[in-house]
Amino acid sequence: MLSEAGFATLVPIRDMGRAIKFYTRTLGGRLMMRGEGEMKDSWAFVRIGKSDFWLIQPQKREKRELAYSTFVVKDIRRIVKSLKGKCVKFHRAEISGPETKVEGPISFSLWGAAAFFNDSEGNGLMIWQED
């Protein structure tokens, strides 16, 4: 199931330029991707060694006080179904824009699909499928 998944840590940030500088210059990471146009300061993807860090500027309506971990998968529907079979309870899918489609706990956007749940201690986890 998740034993073959990639892994990324989402890090909520306040200032994208400052965060990219820290994760690249200070920590030695490499900027792999950054949002374009209106999304320029919303998200970026930095790789440090074999670890991926997704720098995310939360929407005003969101409250992200802590970083949370993400499992990167190839078939989100299969993984969600499997975890539901193990009594994992997923959060309600959120609509992030007019192009977002919701299928149960999974939200599908132009750049991928996401489903959120908590671990046994209340820590937020995400499953992500790239488009």
Protein backbone atom coordinates (compact mmCIF):
# COMPACT_ATOMS: atom_id res chain seq x y z
CA MET A 1 0.00 0.00 0.00
CA LEU A 2 1.99 3.05 1.18
CA SER A 3 5.28 1.15 1.28
CA GLU A 4 5.94 2.27 -2.33
CA ALA A 5 4.75 5.87 -1.88
CA GLY A 6 7.01 8.89 -2.11
CA PHE A 7 7.06 11.24 0.87
CA ALA A 8 6.93 15.03 1.22
CA THR A 9 6.55 17.39 4.17
CA LEU A 10 4.25 20.39 3.73
CA VAL A 11 5.61 23.45 5.49
CA PRO A 12 3.34 26.45 6.06
CA ILE A 13 5.22 29.69 5.37
CA ARG A 14 4.55 33.42 5.53
CA ASP A 15 7.03 34.80 2.98
CA MET A 16 7.76 32.63 -0.06
CA GLY A 17 10.97 34.42 -1.10
CA ARG A 18 12.42 34.21 2.39
CA ALA A 19 11.39 30.54 2.73
CA ILE A 20 12.92 29.55 -0.62
CA LYS A 21 16.15 31.34 0.31
CA PHE A 22 16.30 29.51 3.65
CA TYR A 23 15.54 26.04 2.24
CA THR A 24 17.95 26.47 -0.68
CA ARG A 25 20.82 28.69 0.48
CA THR A 26 20.76 27.92 4.19
CA LEU A 27 19.84 24.23 4.07
CA GLY A 28 21.37 23.43 0.69
CA GLY A 29 18.17 22.40 -1.07
CA ARG A 30 17.31 22.74 -4.74
CA LEU A 31 14.22 24.56 -5.96
CA MET A 32 12.41 22.00 -8.11
CA MET A 33 9.22 23.87 -8.91
CA ARG A 34 7.37 27.05 -7.98
CA GLY A 35 3.88 28.29 -8.65
CA GLU A 36 3.52 30.61 -11.63
CA GLY A 37 1.54 33.79 -12.17
CA GLU A 38 -0.94 34.40 -9.36
CA MET A 39 0.29 31.20 -7.66
CA LYS A 40 3.93 32.40 -7.52
CA ASP A 41 3.82 33.09 -3.80
CA SER A 42 1.40 30.28 -2.95
CA TRP A 43 3.59 27.19 -3.25
CA ALA A 44 7.05 25.87 -4.08
CA PHE A 45 8.75 22.47 -4.06
CA VAL A 46 12.29 22.17 -2.67
CA ARG A 47 14.35 18.97 -2.53
CA ILE A 48 17.02 18.53 0.12
CA GLY A 49 18.88 15.27 -0.40
CA LYS A 50 16.14 12.67 -0.84
CA SER A 51 13.58 14.69 1.12
CA ASP A 52 10.90 16.86 -0.45
CA PHE A 53 9.56 19.99 1.20
CA TRP A 54 6.46 21.64 -0.17
CA LEU A 55 6.37 25.26 0.93
CA ILE A 56 2.74 26.35 1.15
CA GLN A 57 1.29 29.77 1.95
CA PRO A 58 -2.04 29.00 3.63
CA GLN A 59 -5.21 30.65 2.43
CA LYS A 60 -6.63 33.18 4.88
CA ARG A 61 -9.47 30.80 5.70
CA GLU A 62 -7.05 27.97 6.48
CA LYS A 63 -5.24 27.58 9.75
CA ARG A 64 -1.99 25.66 9.37
CA GLU A 65 0.08 26.00 12.50
CA LEU A 66 2.24 22.91 12.04
CA ALA A 67 3.83 21.18 9.09
CA TYR A 68 2.14 17.95 8.06
CA SER A 69 3.37 14.99 6.05
CA THR A 70 2.25 13.86 2.61
CA PHE A 71 2.33 10.48 0.93
CA VAL A 72 2.79 10.86 -2.83
CA VAL A 73 0.95 8.07 -4.64
CA LYS A 74 0.06 6.99 -8.17
CA ASP A 75 -3.55 5.90 -7.52
CA ILE A 76 -5.23 8.05 -4.84
CA ARG A 77 -8.62 6.37 -5.23
CA ARG A 78 -7.15 2.94 -4.48
CA ILE A 79 -5.20 4.20 -1.46
CA VAL A 80 -8.17 6.08 0.03
CA LYS A 81 -10.39 3.01 -0.41
CA SER A 82 -7.77 0.78 1.22
CA LEU A 83 -7.29 3.12 4.19
CA LYS A 84 -11.05 3.51 4.65
CA GLY A 85 -11.13 -0.29 4.89
CA LYS A 86 -8.77 0.07 7.85
CA CYS A 87 -11.18 2.54 9.54
CA VAL A 88 -9.24 5.69 8.62
CA LYS A 89 -11.60 8.66 8.64
CA PHE A 90 -10.87 11.30 6.03
CA HIS A 91 -11.61 15.01 6.26
CA ARG A 92 -14.21 16.52 3.99
CA ALA A 93 -12.67 17.48 0.64
CA GLU A 94 -12.27 21.22 0.11
CA ILE A 95 -12.88 23.18 -3.05
CA SER A 96 -9.84 25.36 -3.78
CA GLY A 97 -11.17 26.99 -6.93
CA PRO A 98 -13.80 26.80 -9.67
CA GLU A 99 -11.93 23.99 -11.42
CA THR A 100 -11.89 21.74 -8.31
CA LYS A 101 -13.91 18.54 -8.48
CA VAL A 102 -14.78 16.61 -5.33
CA GLU A 103 -15.16 12.85 -5.15
CA GLY A 104 -15.84 11.75 -1.57
CA PRO A 105 -12.87 12.89 0.53
CA ILE A 106 -10.70 13.55 -2.54
CA SER A 107 -10.41 16.96 -4.20
CA PHE A 108 -9.14 17.00 -7.79
CA SER A 109 -7.58 20.21 -9.10
CA LEU A 110 -5.59 21.17 -12.18
CA TRP A 111 -2.30 20.19 -10.51
CA GLY A 112 -3.29 16.99 -8.69
CA ALA A 113 -5.56 15.31 -6.18
CA ALA A 114 -5.52 15.43 -2.38
CA ALA A 115 -7.15 13.69 0.56
CA PHE A 116 -6.53 14.57 4.22
CA PHE A 117 -6.78 12.55 7.42
CA ASN A 118 -5.28 12.47 10.91
CA ASP A 119 -2.99 9.89 12.47
CA SER A 120 -3.76 8.27 15.81
CA GLU A 121 -2.31 11.26 17.67
CA GLY A 122 -4.21 13.92 15.74
CA ASN A 123 -1.36 14.90 13.38
CA GLY A 124 -2.51 15.88 9.92
CA LEU A 125 -1.53 13.66 7.00
CA MET A 126 -2.19 14.06 3.30
CA ILE A 127 -2.30 11.73 0.34
CA TRP A 128 -1.35 13.42 -2.95
CA GLN A 129 -1.50 12.24 -6.54
CA GLU A 130 0.28 14.35 -9.11
CA ASP A 131 -1.58 15.06 -12.30
